[in-house]
Amino acid sequence: MTYVVTDACIRCKYMDCVEVCPVDCFYEGDNMLVINPNECIDCGVCEPECPAEAILPDTESGLEQWLELNATYSAEWPNITSSREPPADADEHKGEEGKFDKYFSAEPGEGD
């Protein structure tokens, strides 16, 4: 098992999860984070930290595309180990449906 970040993170990117991860397995894209499934130790401390409820265990059904996306982009985007302020409009996008199709960017973020 591993945890994955879903499209609920897109345009929210709160980063509370980054601070608590004991193995630094988060990677930063332009407008979302992903988890490297090979580095995640399945401890689950990140899941309750996410205000957008974007982090889920991959054992939940229907998350195959998110597992693949997390694996792909964690290999391309920079590692992030400390949190920063979320986007100014993060709360406006919290709970919004269809964010992947509307906003996803494959561009990397800043990282550490």
C-alpha atoms as a PDB file:
ATOM      1  CA  MET A   1       0.000   0.000   0.000  1.00  0.00           C
ATOM      2  CA  THR A   2       0.959   3.631  -0.510  1.00  0.00           C
ATOM      3  CA  TYR A   3      -0.769   6.970  -0.313  1.00  0.00           C
ATOM      4  CA  VAL A   4      -1.595   9.061  -3.364  1.00  0.00           C
ATOM      5  CA  VAL A   5      -2.449  12.688  -3.967  1.00  0.00           C
ATOM      6  CA  THR A   6      -5.608  13.204  -6.020  1.00  0.00           C
ATOM      7  CA  ASP A   7      -6.931  16.135  -8.047  1.00  0.00           C
ATOM      8  CA  ALA A   8      -8.368  17.667  -4.870  1.00  0.00           C
ATOM      9  CA  CYS A   9      -4.856  19.105  -4.369  1.00  0.00           C
ATOM     10  CA  ILE A  10      -4.830  20.997  -7.661  1.00  0.00           C
ATOM     11  CA  ARG A  11      -4.894  24.771  -7.130  1.00  0.00           C
ATOM     12  CA  CYS A  12      -5.023  24.218  -3.343  1.00  0.00           C
ATOM     13  CA  LYS A  13      -1.526  22.896  -2.604  1.00  0.00           C
ATOM     14  CA  TYR A  14      -1.747  23.552   1.149  1.00  0.00           C
ATOM     15  CA  MET A  15       1.520  21.699   1.907  1.00  0.00           C
ATOM     16  CA  ASP A  16       0.656  20.801   5.513  1.00  0.00           C
ATOM     17  CA  CYS A  17       1.440  17.205   4.523  1.00  0.00           C
ATOM     18  CA  VAL A  18       5.021  18.005   3.547  1.00  0.00           C
ATOM     19  CA  GLU A  19       6.034  19.011   7.078  1.00  0.00           C
ATOM     20  CA  VAL A  20       4.881  15.766   8.703  1.00  0.00           C
ATOM     21  CA  CYS A  21       6.236  13.251   6.178  1.00  0.00           C
ATOM     22  CA  PRO A  22       9.069  11.307   7.860  1.00  0.00           C
ATOM     23  CA  VAL A  23      10.594  10.136   4.557  1.00  0.00           C
ATOM     24  CA  ASP A  24      10.262  13.301   2.441  1.00  0.00           C
ATOM     25  CA  CYS A  25       8.376  11.571  -0.365  1.00  0.00           C
ATOM     26  CA  PHE A  26       6.466  14.632  -1.641  1.00  0.00           C
ATOM     27  CA  TYR A  27       7.282  16.244  -4.975  1.00  0.00           C
ATOM     28  CA  GLU A  28       6.069  19.623  -6.172  1.00  0.00           C
ATOM     29  CA  GLY A  29       4.377  20.479  -9.413  1.00  0.00           C
ATOM     30  CA  ASP A  30       3.269  23.915 -10.505  1.00  0.00           C
ATOM     31  CA  ASN A  31      -0.164  23.593  -8.898  1.00  0.00           C
ATOM     32  CA  MET A  32      -0.233  20.308  -6.962  1.00  0.00           C
ATOM     33  CA  LEU A  33       1.916  17.864  -5.004  1.00  0.00           C
ATOM     34  CA  VAL A  34       2.454  14.147  -5.593  1.00  0.00           C
ATOM     35  CA  ILE A  35       3.804  11.275  -3.489  1.00  0.00           C
ATOM     36  CA  ASN A  36       6.507   8.933  -4.722  1.00  0.00           C
ATOM     37  CA  PRO A  37       4.858   5.528  -4.161  1.00  0.00           C
ATOM     38  CA  ASN A  38       8.231   3.785  -3.926  1.00  0.00           C
ATOM     39  CA  GLU A  39       9.392   6.077  -1.121  1.00  0.00           C
ATOM     40  CA  CYS A  40       6.141   6.255   0.858  1.00  0.00           C
ATOM     41  CA  ILE A  41       6.263   4.035   3.953  1.00  0.00           C
ATOM     42  CA  ASP A  42       2.467   3.941   4.340  1.00  0.00           C
ATOM     43  CA  CYS A  43       2.539   5.582   7.760  1.00  0.00           C
ATOM     44  CA  GLY A  44      -0.521   7.711   6.963  1.00  0.00           C
ATOM     45  CA  VAL A  45       0.499  10.804   8.945  1.00  0.00           C
ATOM     46  CA  CYS A  46      -0.017  13.008   5.878  1.00  0.00           C
ATOM     47  CA  GLU A  47      -3.635  12.038   5.215  1.00  0.00           C
ATOM     48  CA  PRO A  48      -5.291  13.874   8.144  1.00  0.00           C
ATOM     49  CA  GLU A  49      -3.063  16.923   7.610  1.00  0.00           C
ATOM     50  CA  CYS A  50      -4.542  17.734   4.206  1.00  0.00           C
ATOM     51  CA  PRO A  51      -7.284  20.391   4.452  1.00  0.00           C
ATOM     52  CA  ALA A  52      -8.427  19.537   0.918  1.00  0.00           C
ATOM     53  CA  GLU A  53      -8.692  15.802   1.735  1.00  0.00           C
ATOM     54  CA  ALA A  54      -6.582  15.119  -1.354  1.00  0.00           C
ATOM     55  CA  ILE A  55      -4.457  12.313   0.133  1.00  0.00           C
ATOM     56  CA  LEU A  56      -5.915   8.809   0.120  1.00  0.00           C
ATOM     57  CA  PRO A  57      -4.609   5.254   0.537  1.00  0.00           C
ATOM     58  CA  ASP A  58      -4.250   3.485  -2.804  1.00  0.00           C
ATOM     59  CA  THR A  59      -6.371   0.650  -1.448  1.00  0.00           C
ATOM     60  CA  GLU A  60      -9.503   2.732  -2.087  1.00  0.00           C
ATOM     61  CA  SER A  61     -11.154   1.832  -5.371  1.00  0.00           C
ATOM     62  CA  GLY A  62     -10.801   4.041  -8.419  1.00  0.00           C
ATOM     63  CA  LEU A  63      -7.404   5.489  -7.565  1.00  0.00           C
ATOM     64  CA  GLU A  64      -5.346   3.690 -10.214  1.00  0.00           C
ATOM     65  CA  GLN A  65      -4.974   6.813 -12.386  1.00  0.00           C
ATOM     66  CA  TRP A  66      -3.762   8.791  -9.358  1.00  0.00           C
ATOM     67  CA  LEU A  67      -1.213   6.132  -8.445  1.00  0.00           C
ATOM     68  CA  GLU A  68       0.138   6.300 -11.999  1.00  0.00           C
ATOM     69  CA  LEU A  69       0.159  10.113 -12.007  1.00  0.00           C
ATOM     70  CA  ASN A  70       1.961  10.222  -8.629  1.00  0.00           C
ATOM     71  CA  ALA A  71       4.574   7.721  -9.821  1.00  0.00           C
ATOM     72  CA  THR A  72       5.141   9.551 -13.110  1.00  0.00           C
ATOM     73  CA  TYR A  73       5.474  13.081 -11.774  1.00  0.00           C
ATOM     74  CA  SER A  74       7.389  12.221  -8.609  1.00  0.00           C
ATOM     75  CA  ALA A  75      10.150  11.089 -10.984  1.00  0.00           C
ATOM     76  CA  GLU A  76      10.057  14.421 -12.867  1.00  0.00           C
ATOM     77  CA  TRP A  77       9.231  17.102 -10.283  1.00  0.00           C
ATOM     78  CA  PRO A  78      11.533  18.402  -7.518  1.00  0.00           C
ATOM     79  CA  ASN A  79      11.384  17.073  -3.971  1.00  0.00           C
ATOM     80  CA  ILE A  80       9.816  19.320  -1.355  1.00  0.00           C
ATOM     81  CA  THR A  81      10.433  18.884   2.370  1.00  0.00           C
ATOM     82  CA  SER A  82       9.238  22.150   3.898  1.00  0.00           C
ATOM     83  CA  SER A  83       5.911  23.855   3.491  1.00  0.00           C
ATOM     84  CA  ARG A  84       5.215  27.292   2.100  1.00  0.00           C
ATOM     85  CA  GLU A  85       2.098  29.427   1.969  1.00  0.00           C
ATOM     86  CA  PRO A  86      -0.646  27.949  -0.221  1.00  0.00           C
ATOM     87  CA  PRO A  87      -1.851  29.888  -3.256  1.00  0.00           C
ATOM     88  CA  ALA A  88      -3.876  32.974  -2.338  1.00  0.00           C
ATOM     89  CA  ASP A  89      -6.985  31.484  -3.974  1.00  0.00           C
ATOM     90  CA  ALA A  90      -6.575  27.979  -2.511  1.00  0.00           C
ATOM     91  CA  ASP A  91      -9.748  28.115  -0.416  1.00  0.00           C
ATOM     92  CA  GLU A  92     -11.784  29.123  -3.472  1.00  0.00           C
ATOM     93  CA  HIS A  93     -10.792  25.859  -5.195  1.00  0.00           C
ATOM     94  CA  LYS A  94     -11.209  23.561  -2.184  1.00  0.00           C
ATOM     95  CA  GLY A  95     -13.911  21.015  -2.975  1.00  0.00           C
ATOM     96  CA  GLU A  96     -14.201  22.058  -6.615  1.00  0.00           C
ATOM     97  CA  GLU A  97     -15.022  19.224  -9.016  1.00  0.00           C
ATOM     98  CA  GLY A  98     -13.171  18.448 -12.256  1.00  0.00           C
ATOM     99  CA  LYS A  99      -9.972  20.246 -11.350  1.00  0.00           C
ATOM    100  CA  PHE A 100      -7.696  17.899 -13.290  1.00  0.00           C
ATOM    101  CA  ASP A 101      -9.318  18.679 -16.626  1.00  0.00           C
ATOM    102  CA  LYS A 102      -9.586  22.385 -15.855  1.00  0.00           C
ATOM    103  CA  TYR A 103      -6.224  23.168 -14.245  1.00  0.00           C
ATOM    104  CA  PHE A 104      -3.654  20.358 -14.181  1.00  0.00           C
ATOM    105  CA  SER A 105      -0.156  21.452 -15.183  1.00  0.00           C
ATOM    106  CA  ALA A 106       2.719  19.054 -15.842  1.00  0.00           C
ATOM    107  CA  GLU A 107       5.175  21.865 -15.146  1.00  0.00           C
ATOM    108  CA  PRO A 108       7.435  21.372 -12.117  1.00  0.00           C
ATOM    109  CA  GLY A 109       7.181  23.503  -9.008  1.00  0.00           C
ATOM    110  CA  GLU A 110      10.019  25.158  -7.102  1.00  0.00           C
ATOM    111  CA  GLY A 111      10.878  22.319  -4.729  1.00  0.00           C
ATOM    112  CA  ASP A 112      13.284  23.022  -1.886  1.00  0.00           C
END
